[in-house]
Amino acid sequence: MNTSRSILPKGLLPEGFLDALDRITGPRGWSANADAIAPHARESWGIGRGQTPLLLKPASVDEVSALLSLCHEHRVQIVPQGGNTGLVWAGIPDDSGRLVVLSLSRLNRVRKIDPIGDTMTVEAGVVLERAQEAADDVDRLFPLALGAQGTCQIGGNLSTNAGGVNVLRYGMARDLVLGLEVVLADGRVWNGLKALRKDNTGYDLKQLFVGAEGTLGVITAAVLRLFPKPRETNTAWLAVPSPQKAVELFAFCRERLGDAISSFELMGDLVVQRVIDYLPDGRQPLRTATPWHVLIEVAWSLDDGLLDRLEHVLADAMRQGLVTDGTVAASEAQRKALWLIRENPTDAFAQAGVVLRHDVSVPVADVPALIEHGSDLFQKKIPGVQVVAFGHIGDGNIHFNLLQPEAMEGAAFRAMKDDVQTEVFDLVERLGGSISAEHGIGRLKRDDLAARKPALDLDLMHRLKNALDPHHILNPGAIL
């Protein structure tokens, strides 16, 4: 028997609930130990924190089914959790102390790989990097790539509709899914694990659960799309005069390189310099000083010729004034060094004081307006503030962040968060954008969604929630 049951206050869970857990999962399948629970009750940046009396750790879909049936019967509310790398508090409990965390980490098998059909069936707890490696083992590519890929899990990636650096070519997480296995709120298992490219038989039910942040069902397995592994990959670091020139450069390169472009990233010089200072072996990618930097990566499955084409395109771009300097990685080590700069802004700025973060998107053509109007607005409003802008310019997703002024206390700057966020979101909406590009809504942006989403949209979302989870036991307080 699990001895940690003695820690639980009486009356917190229904009579006989813990005995039922023992019958379903055995003592390894749950814990009430405070030390074991603590990492599951706070988000990755350590800002969002909640409380939970219990951590459930099922090892199979049958156990997930039985647990949800039990929770449904007793009206015990749960928070499904993957690798807990989310940034909007969707995978952690609130501070009520009554929500139970359901970790999918033990569902971690790669069930099947089909290199002929270019599919892979994996369980929800498979770490993203492991999925990438499994595809690589059969000479295929699973293109979802995130900074947290060594920790985040497939179930969480799908539940949040993760983006990452390859969206431009391969799409969001929802574009990489062919089928799902989902446990519903009442414990029934919906088996939609089909590896079909064409299935035109009514509603596409799997897409209900992608991006739903665990509020409609618990994803336990998925059939994922694989792609031919690139035979040639080239990465270039470019100096550009402005965000406007970066957007023009993107259009210029798309016309000449097409879908060979897998990533097109924009970073302000402040971002680059902070990351270089943060990295132990950080080095300037270019000798030329520049206010803005672009990282472009191209790849294809042919044997050669892409490097010559890329260099020809960049030479033309330089002649037209879109690029002022640049370098192309000459080795895999150089390529990784360039990507290290792009992948580390969050960690670098965590050392520099309070950062007010915003994950937003606008039409690609309006990225310059977002950065320039937003920078002007907040530099006038908050003396000494530094605007930290970087992101996936090719799909319009910019992380528009503000760094604490040196002359202002961190607590005072953090207290401005709500007012700053309102003005950022107002600007984004005027530009026809979204208040959440790839991080989701969770509990952090729930009120903003309610205030800004059209009434009909919200009504339809509530109807779906009530139909699939009538007792609201799945991630209550997230999204809606």
Protein backbone atom coordinates (compact mmCIF):
# COMPACT_ATOMS: atom_id res chain seq x y z
CA MET A 1 0.00 0.00 0.00
CA ASN A 2 1.15 3.57 -0.74
CA THR A 3 2.25 4.93 2.64
CA SER A 4 1.95 8.55 1.52
CA ARG A 5 -1.85 8.34 1.97
CA SER A 6 -1.34 9.33 5.61
CA ILE A 7 -0.23 12.79 4.45
CA LEU A 8 -3.62 13.62 2.93
CA PRO A 9 -6.02 15.68 5.06
CA LYS A 10 -9.27 13.89 5.81
CA GLY A 11 -12.19 14.77 3.58
CA LEU A 12 -10.05 16.11 0.73
CA LEU A 13 -10.89 13.12 -1.48
CA PRO A 14 -14.00 10.89 -1.50
CA GLU A 15 -14.22 7.88 0.82
CA GLY A 16 -12.51 4.85 -0.72
CA PHE A 17 -10.86 6.85 -3.50
CA LEU A 18 -7.29 5.92 -2.54
CA ASP A 19 -8.17 2.24 -2.19
CA ALA A 20 -9.60 2.36 -5.70
CA LEU A 21 -6.35 3.92 -6.94
CA ASP A 22 -4.38 1.04 -5.47
CA ARG A 23 -6.60 -1.43 -7.28
CA ILE A 24 -6.24 0.41 -10.61
CA THR A 25 -2.55 1.31 -10.71
CA GLY A 26 -0.87 -0.24 -7.71
CA PRO A 27 1.27 1.88 -5.35
CA ARG A 28 3.59 3.07 -8.17
CA GLY A 29 0.69 4.68 -9.96
CA TRP A 30 0.01 7.52 -7.55
CA SER A 31 1.65 9.64 -4.88
CA ALA A 32 0.67 12.11 -2.19
CA ASN A 33 4.28 12.79 -1.23
CA ALA A 34 4.94 16.54 -1.19
CA ASP A 35 8.47 16.22 -2.62
CA ALA A 36 7.27 14.02 -5.48
CA ILE A 37 4.37 16.35 -6.24
CA ALA A 38 6.24 19.69 -6.06
CA PRO A 39 7.76 19.69 -9.60
CA HIS A 40 4.31 18.95 -11.04
CA ALA A 41 2.69 21.92 -9.31
CA ARG A 42 4.82 24.70 -10.81
CA GLU A 43 5.45 25.75 -14.41
CA SER A 44 8.86 25.78 -16.04
CA TRP A 45 9.69 29.44 -15.35
CA GLY A 46 8.74 29.03 -11.68
CA ILE A 47 6.30 31.95 -11.76
CA GLY A 48 3.07 29.98 -11.93
CA ARG A 49 2.52 27.72 -8.93
CA GLY A 50 -0.46 25.71 -7.74
CA GLN A 51 -1.37 23.10 -5.17
CA THR A 52 -2.49 19.52 -5.56
CA PRO A 53 -3.15 16.75 -3.04
CA LEU A 54 -2.34 13.94 -5.43
CA LEU A 55 -0.24 12.92 -8.42
CA LEU A 56 -1.59 10.14 -10.65
CA LYS A 57 0.95 8.22 -12.73
CA PRO A 58 -0.80 5.61 -14.94
CA ALA A 59 1.31 3.29 -17.07
CA SER A 60 -1.21 2.31 -19.76
CA VAL A 61 -4.28 3.55 -21.57
CA ASP A 62 -6.38 1.06 -19.60
CA GLU A 63 -5.20 2.65 -16.37
CA VAL A 64 -5.95 6.14 -17.70
CA SER A 65 -9.42 4.93 -18.68
CA ALA A 66 -10.08 3.44 -15.24
CA LEU A 67 -8.77 6.54 -13.47
CA LEU A 68 -10.96 8.91 -15.48
CA SER A 69 -13.96 6.67 -14.91
CA LEU A 70 -13.25 6.83 -11.18
CA CYS A 71 -12.77 10.61 -11.23
CA HIS A 72 -15.94 11.02 -13.29
CA GLU A 73 -17.92 8.94 -10.80
CA HIS A 74 -16.68 10.92 -7.80
CA ARG A 75 -16.47 14.33 -9.57
CA VAL A 76 -12.76 14.59 -8.85
CA GLN A 77 -11.23 17.23 -11.12
CA ILE A 78 -7.90 16.55 -12.84
CA VAL A 79 -5.17 18.38 -14.73
CA PRO A 80 -3.59 16.28 -17.53
CA GLN A 81 0.15 16.93 -17.68
CA GLY A 82 2.93 16.07 -20.12
CA GLY A 83 6.52 17.28 -19.73
CA ASN A 84 5.31 20.42 -17.90
CA THR A 85 7.18 22.80 -20.18
CA GLY A 86 4.11 24.90 -21.02
CA LEU A 87 4.13 28.64 -20.46
CA VAL A 88 0.45 29.50 -19.88
CA TRP A 89 -0.21 27.36 -16.79
CA ALA A 90 -2.39 24.83 -18.59
CA GLY A 91 -0.53 21.82 -17.20
CA ILE A 92 -0.39 22.79 -13.53
CA PRO A 93 -3.15 22.89 -10.90
CA ASP A 94 -4.66 26.10 -9.61
CA ASP A 95 -4.15 27.23 -6.01
CA SER A 96 -7.38 25.69 -4.68
CA GLY A 97 -5.57 22.54 -3.61
CA ARG A 98 -8.34 20.33 -5.00
CA LEU A 99 -7.24 19.56 -8.57
CA VAL A 100 -5.43 16.24 -9.06
CA VAL A 101 -2.50 16.07 -11.52
CA LEU A 102 -2.60 13.23 -14.07
CA SER A 103 0.92 12.72 -15.46
CA LEU A 104 1.24 10.85 -18.76
CA SER A 105 5.01 10.37 -18.44
CA ARG A 106 4.84 6.59 -17.97
CA LEU A 107 3.01 6.13 -21.28
CA ASN A 108 6.28 6.36 -23.16
CA ARG A 109 6.37 3.66 -25.83
CA VAL A 110 7.01 4.09 -29.52
CA ARG A 111 4.38 1.59 -30.66
CA LYS A 112 5.08 1.43 -34.39
CA ILE A 113 7.09 3.05 -37.17
CA ASP A 114 6.11 2.67 -40.81
CA PRO A 115 8.82 4.16 -43.08
CA ILE A 116 6.89 3.19 -46.20
CA GLY A 117 3.75 5.01 -45.15
CA ASP A 118 5.82 7.70 -43.40
CA THR A 119 4.00 7.36 -40.07
CA MET A 120 4.92 6.72 -36.46
CA THR A 121 2.59 5.73 -33.62
CA VAL A 122 3.74 6.91 -30.20
CA GLU A 123 2.27 7.23 -26.74
CA ALA A 124 1.63 10.59 -25.11
CA GLY A 125 4.56 10.42 -22.70
CA VAL A 126 7.20 9.99 -25.40
CA VAL A 127 9.64 12.91 -25.15
CA LEU A 128 9.77 14.92 -28.38
CA GLU A 129 13.50 14.38 -28.82
CA ARG A 130 12.97 10.62 -28.52
CA ALA A 131 10.32 10.80 -31.27
CA GLN A 132 12.77 12.71 -33.47
CA GLU A 133 15.44 10.06 -32.83
CA ALA A 134 13.05 7.20 -33.57
CA ALA A 135 12.23 8.78 -36.93
CA ASP A 136 15.91 9.35 -37.64
CA ASP A 137 16.63 5.66 -36.94
CA VAL A 138 14.59 4.74 -40.04
CA ASP A 139 15.99 7.61 -42.13
CA ARG A 140 12.92 9.80 -41.69
CA LEU A 141 12.24 13.22 -40.21
CA PHE A 142 9.70 14.19 -37.58
CA PRO A 143 9.92 17.96 -38.01
CA LEU A 144 8.39 19.34 -34.81
CA ALA A 145 11.33 21.12 -33.12
CA LEU A 146 11.20 23.22 -29.94
CA GLY A 147 13.66 24.61 -27.45
CA ALA A 148 12.21 22.26 -24.80
CA GLN A 149 12.36 19.15 -27.01
CA GLY A 150 14.54 17.27 -24.53
CA THR A 151 11.78 17.49 -21.91
CA CYS A 152 8.41 18.18 -23.53
CA GLN A 153 6.21 15.23 -24.47
CA ILE A 154 4.12 14.41 -27.53
CA GLY A 155 0.83 14.49 -25.64
CA GLY A 156 1.53 17.99 -24.40
CA ASN A 157 2.78 19.10 -27.82
CA LEU A 158 -0.52 18.04 -29.37
CA SER A 159 -2.71 19.30 -26.53
CA THR A 160 -1.16 22.76 -26.92
CA ASN A 161 -0.81 22.61 -30.73
CA ALA A 162 2.90 23.40 -30.41
CA GLY A 163 4.66 25.44 -33.09
CA GLY A 164 8.44 25.73 -33.10
CA VAL A 165 11.02 26.63 -35.72
CA ASN A 166 9.79 24.48 -38.62
CA VAL A 167 6.19 25.70 -38.86
CA LEU A 168 6.96 27.57 -42.06
CA ARG A 169 7.53 24.36 -44.00
CA TYR A 170 5.74 21.63 -42.04
CA GLY A 171 2.98 23.41 -40.12
CA MET A 172 1.88 23.38 -36.49
CA ALA A 173 1.50 20.22 -34.40
CA ARG A 174 -2.06 19.70 -35.68
CA ASP A 175 -0.69 19.44 -39.22
CA LEU A 176 1.55 16.54 -38.18
CA VAL A 177 -1.21 14.31 -36.76
CA LEU A 178 -3.06 11.61 -38.69
CA GLY A 179 -4.78 9.88 -35.79
CA LEU A 180 -5.31 9.98 -32.03
CA GLU A 181 -6.23 7.76 -29.13
CA VAL A 182 -8.12 9.77 -26.51
CA VAL A 183 -9.65 8.91 -23.15
CA LEU A 184 -12.85 10.88 -22.62
CA ALA A 185 -13.96 12.43 -19.35
CA ASP A 186 -16.12 9.42 -18.44
CA GLY A 187 -13.32 6.94 -19.10
CA ARG A 188 -14.40 5.76 -22.56
CA VAL A 189 -11.53 5.36 -25.03
CA TRP A 190 -11.95 6.89 -28.47
CA ASN A 191 -9.72 4.94 -30.85
CA GLY A 192 -8.93 7.20 -33.78
CA LEU A 193 -5.45 5.78 -34.40
CA LYS A 194 -5.76 5.69 -38.18
CA ALA A 195 -2.70 6.22 -40.37
CA LEU A 196 -4.76 7.51 -43.30
CA ARG A 197 -3.92 10.53 -45.43
CA LYS A 198 -7.49 10.56 -46.75
CA ASP A 199 -10.52 9.86 -44.56
CA ASN A 200 -13.51 11.92 -45.60
CA THR A 201 -16.12 10.30 -43.32
CA GLY A 202 -17.65 13.21 -41.47
CA TYR A 203 -16.25 15.41 -38.73
CA ASP A 204 -12.49 15.27 -38.17
CA LEU A 205 -12.82 14.38 -34.50
CA LYS A 206 -9.10 14.23 -33.74
CA GLN A 207 -8.78 17.95 -34.34
CA LEU A 208 -11.17 18.64 -31.46
CA PHE A 209 -8.50 17.48 -29.04
CA VAL A 210 -5.45 19.10 -30.65
CA GLY A 211 -4.97 22.47 -29.00
CA ALA A 212 -7.71 21.82 -26.42
CA GLU A 213 -5.16 21.77 -23.57
CA GLY A 214 -6.66 18.67 -21.95
CA THR A 215 -10.09 20.23 -21.47
CA LEU A 216 -12.02 17.86 -23.77
CA GLY A 217 -10.15 14.56 -23.36
CA VAL A 218 -6.79 13.07 -22.48
CA ILE A 219 -4.59 12.20 -25.46
CA THR A 220 -2.84 8.88 -24.80
CA ALA A 221 -1.33 8.07 -28.24
CA ALA A 222 -0.97 9.55 -31.70
CA VAL A 223 -0.15 8.61 -35.28
CA LEU A 224 2.34 11.20 -36.49
CA ARG A 225 3.40 12.14 -40.01
CA LEU A 226 7.01 11.56 -41.03
CA PHE A 227 8.91 13.08 -43.94
CA PRO A 228 11.91 12.20 -46.09
CA LYS A 229 15.08 13.09 -44.25
CA PRO A 230 16.84 16.09 -45.84
CA ARG A 231 20.03 15.16 -47.66
CA GLU A 232 21.33 18.72 -47.63
CA THR A 233 20.75 21.41 -45.02
CA ASN A 234 22.27 24.89 -45.09
CA THR A 235 22.04 27.60 -42.47
CA ALA A 236 22.87 31.28 -42.90
CA TRP A 237 23.11 34.16 -40.44
CA LEU A 238 22.32 37.55 -41.99
CA ALA A 239 22.51 41.20 -41.00
CA VAL A 240 19.46 43.23 -42.00
CA PRO A 241 18.76 46.96 -41.51
CA SER A 242 15.21 46.70 -40.14
CA PRO A 243 12.18 44.44 -39.60
CA GLN A 244 10.72 45.85 -42.82
CA LYS A 245 13.79 44.74 -44.77
CA ALA A 246 13.58 41.35 -43.04
CA VAL A 247 10.02 40.89 -44.28
CA GLU A 248 11.04 41.95 -47.78
CA LEU A 249 13.96 39.51 -47.59
CA PHE A 250 11.60 36.73 -46.59
CA ALA A 251 9.37 37.38 -49.62
CA PHE A 252 12.46 37.60 -51.85
CA CYS A 253 13.79 34.26 -50.60
CA ARG A 254 10.40 32.53 -50.80
CA GLU A 255 10.08 33.45 -54.46
CA ARG A 256 13.48 31.94 -55.23
CA LEU A 257 13.77 29.06 -52.75
CA GLY A 258 10.13 28.10 -52.21
CA ASP A 259 9.45 25.30 -49.73
CA ALA A 260 13.16 24.61 -49.32
CA ILE A 261 12.98 27.24 -46.54
CA SER A 262 12.24 25.48 -43.25
CA SER A 263 13.06 28.31 -40.83
CA PHE A 264 13.23 32.09 -41.07
CA GLU A 265 13.93 33.70 -37.69
CA LEU A 266 14.26 37.35 -36.67
CA MET A 267 16.18 38.70 -33.65
CA GLY A 268 16.96 42.21 -32.50
CA ASP A 269 20.60 42.91 -31.68
CA LEU A 270 19.82 43.24 -27.96
CA VAL A 271 18.62 39.63 -28.01
CA VAL A 272 21.74 38.40 -29.79
CA GLN A 273 24.18 40.24 -27.54
CA ARG A 274 22.48 39.03 -24.35
CA VAL A 275 22.55 35.43 -25.53
CA ILE A 276 26.21 35.64 -26.55
CA ASP A 277 27.08 37.00 -23.10
CA TYR A 278 25.02 34.23 -21.49
CA LEU A 279 26.50 31.30 -23.42
CA PRO A 280 29.85 30.02 -22.06
CA ASP A 281 31.37 29.89 -25.55
CA GLY A 282 29.16 32.52 -27.17
CA ARG A 283 30.64 34.19 -30.24
CA GLN A 284 29.52 36.96 -32.55
CA PRO A 285 28.15 35.38 -35.73
CA LEU A 286 29.20 38.43 -37.79
CA ARG A 287 31.89 41.08 -37.57
CA THR A 288 29.55 43.77 -38.82
CA ALA A 289 27.37 45.54 -36.24
CA THR A 290 23.69 45.41 -37.18
CA PRO A 291 20.40 46.32 -35.49
CA TRP A 292 18.63 43.17 -36.72
CA HIS A 293 19.59 39.58 -37.43
CA VAL A 294 17.96 36.86 -39.53
CA LEU A 295 18.62 33.14 -39.29
CA ILE A 296 17.51 31.23 -42.36
CA GLU A 297 17.69 27.48 -42.83
CA VAL A 298 17.01 25.65 -46.07
CA ALA A 299 16.84 21.90 -46.63
CA TRP A 300 15.82 19.43 -49.30
CA SER A 301 16.00 15.72 -50.07
CA LEU A 302 18.13 16.01 -53.19
CA ASP A 303 21.83 15.23 -52.99
CA ASP A 304 23.44 18.60 -53.70
CA GLY A 305 23.05 22.01 -55.30
CA LEU A 306 21.15 23.78 -52.53
CA LEU A 307 24.17 25.63 -51.15
CA ASP A 308 24.96 27.16 -54.53
CA ARG A 309 21.36 28.24 -54.93
CA LEU A 310 21.23 29.76 -51.42
CA GLU A 311 24.46 31.69 -51.90
CA HIS A 312 23.25 33.01 -55.26
CA VAL A 313 19.96 34.21 -53.72
CA LEU A 314 21.73 35.89 -50.80
CA ALA A 315 24.18 37.61 -53.12
CA ASP A 316 21.23 39.05 -55.07
CA ALA A 317 19.59 40.12 -51.80
CA MET A 318 22.75 41.94 -50.77
CA ARG A 319 22.90 43.78 -54.09
CA GLN A 320 19.32 44.93 -53.52
CA GLY A 321 20.10 46.24 -50.04
CA LEU A 322 18.03 43.65 -48.17
CA VAL A 323 21.13 42.16 -46.50
CA THR A 324 24.22 44.06 -45.32
CA ASP A 325 26.37 41.11 -44.25
CA GLY A 326 26.08 37.38 -43.77
CA THR A 327 27.71 34.03 -43.25
CA VAL A 328 26.76 30.48 -44.16
CA ALA A 329 27.62 27.71 -41.71
CA ALA A 330 30.47 25.62 -43.14
CA SER A 331 30.01 22.66 -40.77
CA GLU A 332 27.46 21.05 -38.49
CA ALA A 333 29.29 22.54 -35.50
CA GLN A 334 28.91 26.03 -36.94
CA ARG A 335 25.26 25.39 -37.70
CA LYS A 336 24.62 24.32 -34.10
CA ALA A 337 26.47 27.38 -32.81
CA LEU A 338 24.15 29.65 -34.80
CA TRP A 339 21.06 27.84 -33.57
CA LEU A 340 22.27 28.07 -29.96
CA ILE A 341 21.90 31.83 -30.21
CA ARG A 342 18.33 31.52 -31.48
CA GLU A 343 17.35 28.88 -28.92
CA ASN A 344 18.54 30.65 -25.77
CA PRO A 345 16.88 34.10 -25.46
CA THR A 346 14.48 32.92 -22.74
CA ASP A 347 17.25 31.55 -20.51
CA ALA A 348 19.52 34.52 -21.21
CA PHE A 349 16.91 37.10 -20.25
CA ALA A 350 15.90 35.15 -17.15
CA GLN A 351 19.27 36.29 -15.73
CA ALA A 352 18.62 39.94 -16.55
CA GLY A 353 15.65 40.82 -14.38
CA VAL A 354 11.89 40.75 -14.81
CA VAL A 355 10.68 40.16 -18.36
CA LEU A 356 7.08 40.82 -19.42
CA ARG A 357 6.56 38.18 -22.12
CA HIS A 358 4.04 38.06 -24.96
CA ASP A 359 3.62 35.31 -27.55
CA VAL A 360 1.60 36.91 -30.35
CA SER A 361 1.14 36.69 -34.09
CA VAL A 362 0.16 39.10 -36.84
CA PRO A 363 0.06 38.81 -40.64
CA VAL A 364 3.65 38.57 -41.88
CA ALA A 365 3.44 41.93 -43.66
CA ASP A 366 2.47 43.59 -40.35
CA VAL A 367 5.40 42.27 -38.27
CA PRO A 368 7.34 45.54 -38.77
CA ALA A 369 4.35 47.56 -37.57
CA LEU A 370 4.01 45.38 -34.45
CA ILE A 371 7.67 45.80 -33.54
CA GLU A 372 8.05 49.45 -34.48
CA HIS A 373 4.73 50.77 -33.09
CA GLY A 374 5.02 48.61 -30.00
CA SER A 375 8.59 49.69 -29.32
CA ASP A 376 7.72 53.35 -29.72
CA LEU A 377 4.66 52.99 -27.47
CA PHE A 378 6.46 51.37 -24.54
CA GLN A 379 9.69 53.33 -24.74
CA LYS A 380 7.58 56.47 -24.28
CA LYS A 381 5.40 54.90 -21.59
CA ILE A 382 8.15 53.28 -19.50
CA PRO A 383 11.44 55.23 -19.40
CA GLY A 384 14.45 52.97 -19.77
CA VAL A 385 12.52 49.90 -20.87
CA GLN A 386 14.17 47.66 -23.44
CA VAL A 387 12.02 45.97 -26.05
CA VAL A 388 13.08 42.39 -26.73
CA ALA A 389 11.63 41.20 -30.04
CA PHE A 390 12.42 37.89 -31.68
CA GLY A 391 10.61 35.02 -33.28
CA HIS A 392 9.39 33.19 -36.34
CA ILE A 393 8.98 36.03 -38.81
CA GLY A 394 8.11 33.60 -41.61
CA ASP A 395 4.78 32.77 -39.94
CA GLY A 396 4.21 36.10 -38.19
CA ASN A 397 4.86 34.79 -34.66
CA ILE A 398 6.83 37.33 -32.63
CA HIS A 399 7.78 37.05 -28.97
CA PHE A 400 7.30 40.70 -28.05
CA ASN A 401 8.85 41.10 -24.60
CA LEU A 402 9.80 44.00 -22.35
CA LEU A 403 12.88 43.96 -20.11
CA GLN A 404 12.90 45.61 -16.70
CA PRO A 405 14.49 49.09 -16.72
CA GLU A 406 17.66 49.34 -14.62
CA ALA A 407 16.20 52.20 -12.57
CA MET A 408 13.00 50.32 -11.68
CA GLU A 409 12.48 47.67 -9.02
CA GLY A 410 11.46 44.26 -10.31
CA ALA A 411 8.27 44.20 -8.23
CA ALA A 412 7.17 47.57 -9.58
CA PHE A 413 7.81 46.49 -13.15
CA ARG A 414 5.99 43.19 -12.65
CA ALA A 415 3.01 45.14 -11.28
CA MET A 416 2.68 46.77 -14.70
CA LYS A 417 2.11 43.40 -16.36
CA ASP A 418 -1.67 43.62 -16.82
CA ASP A 419 -1.62 47.17 -18.22
CA VAL A 420 1.27 46.36 -20.56
CA GLN A 421 -0.38 43.16 -21.75
CA THR A 422 -3.63 44.97 -22.49
CA GLU A 423 -1.83 47.49 -24.68
CA VAL A 424 0.17 44.80 -26.47
CA PHE A 425 -2.99 42.80 -27.15
CA ASP A 426 -4.84 45.92 -28.31
CA LEU A 427 -2.08 46.61 -30.83
CA VAL A 428 -2.07 43.00 -31.99
CA GLU A 429 -5.84 43.03 -32.50
CA ARG A 430 -5.68 46.27 -34.49
CA LEU A 431 -3.23 44.51 -36.78
CA GLY A 432 -5.55 41.53 -37.21
CA GLY A 433 -3.42 39.21 -35.07
CA SER A 434 -3.77 36.70 -32.25
CA ILE A 435 -3.00 37.09 -28.54
CA SER A 436 -1.55 33.57 -28.48
CA ALA A 437 0.48 32.28 -31.40
CA GLU A 438 1.93 29.01 -30.14
CA HIS A 439 1.87 28.89 -26.32
CA GLY A 440 -1.88 28.44 -25.87
CA ILE A 441 -4.35 30.00 -23.41
CA GLY A 442 -4.21 27.91 -20.23
CA ARG A 443 -5.13 29.72 -17.04
CA LEU A 444 -2.83 32.64 -17.73
CA LYS A 445 -4.74 34.10 -20.71
CA ARG A 446 -8.21 32.75 -19.95
CA ASP A 447 -9.69 36.12 -18.97
CA ASP A 448 -8.14 37.81 -22.01
CA LEU A 449 -9.69 35.18 -24.27
CA ALA A 450 -13.10 35.71 -22.66
CA ALA A 451 -12.84 39.47 -23.15
CA ARG A 452 -11.62 39.36 -26.74
CA LYS A 453 -13.06 36.25 -28.40
CA PRO A 454 -16.32 36.80 -30.34
CA ALA A 455 -19.40 35.75 -28.37
CA LEU A 456 -20.40 33.11 -30.90
CA ASP A 457 -16.94 31.54 -30.78
CA LEU A 458 -17.12 31.33 -27.00
CA ASP A 459 -20.63 29.89 -27.13
CA LEU A 460 -19.54 27.11 -29.49
CA MET A 461 -16.52 26.35 -27.32
CA HIS A 462 -18.69 26.09 -24.20
CA ARG A 463 -21.11 23.79 -26.04
CA LEU A 464 -18.25 21.46 -26.99
CA LYS A 465 -16.96 21.48 -23.42
CA ASN A 466 -20.39 20.69 -21.96
CA ALA A 467 -20.99 17.91 -24.48
CA LEU A 468 -17.67 16.10 -23.92
CA ASP A 469 -17.11 16.93 -20.25
CA PRO A 470 -20.51 17.68 -18.68
CA HIS A 471 -19.20 17.57 -15.11
CA HIS A 472 -16.18 19.73 -15.94
CA ILE A 473 -13.62 17.39 -14.41
CA LEU A 474 -11.00 17.91 -17.17
CA ASN A 475 -8.65 20.82 -16.53
CA PRO A 476 -11.28 23.18 -15.11
CA GLY A 477 -10.30 26.83 -15.42
CA ALA A 478 -8.06 26.29 -18.44
CA ILE A 479 -9.12 28.13 -21.63
CA LEU A 480 -12.74 28.63 -20.44
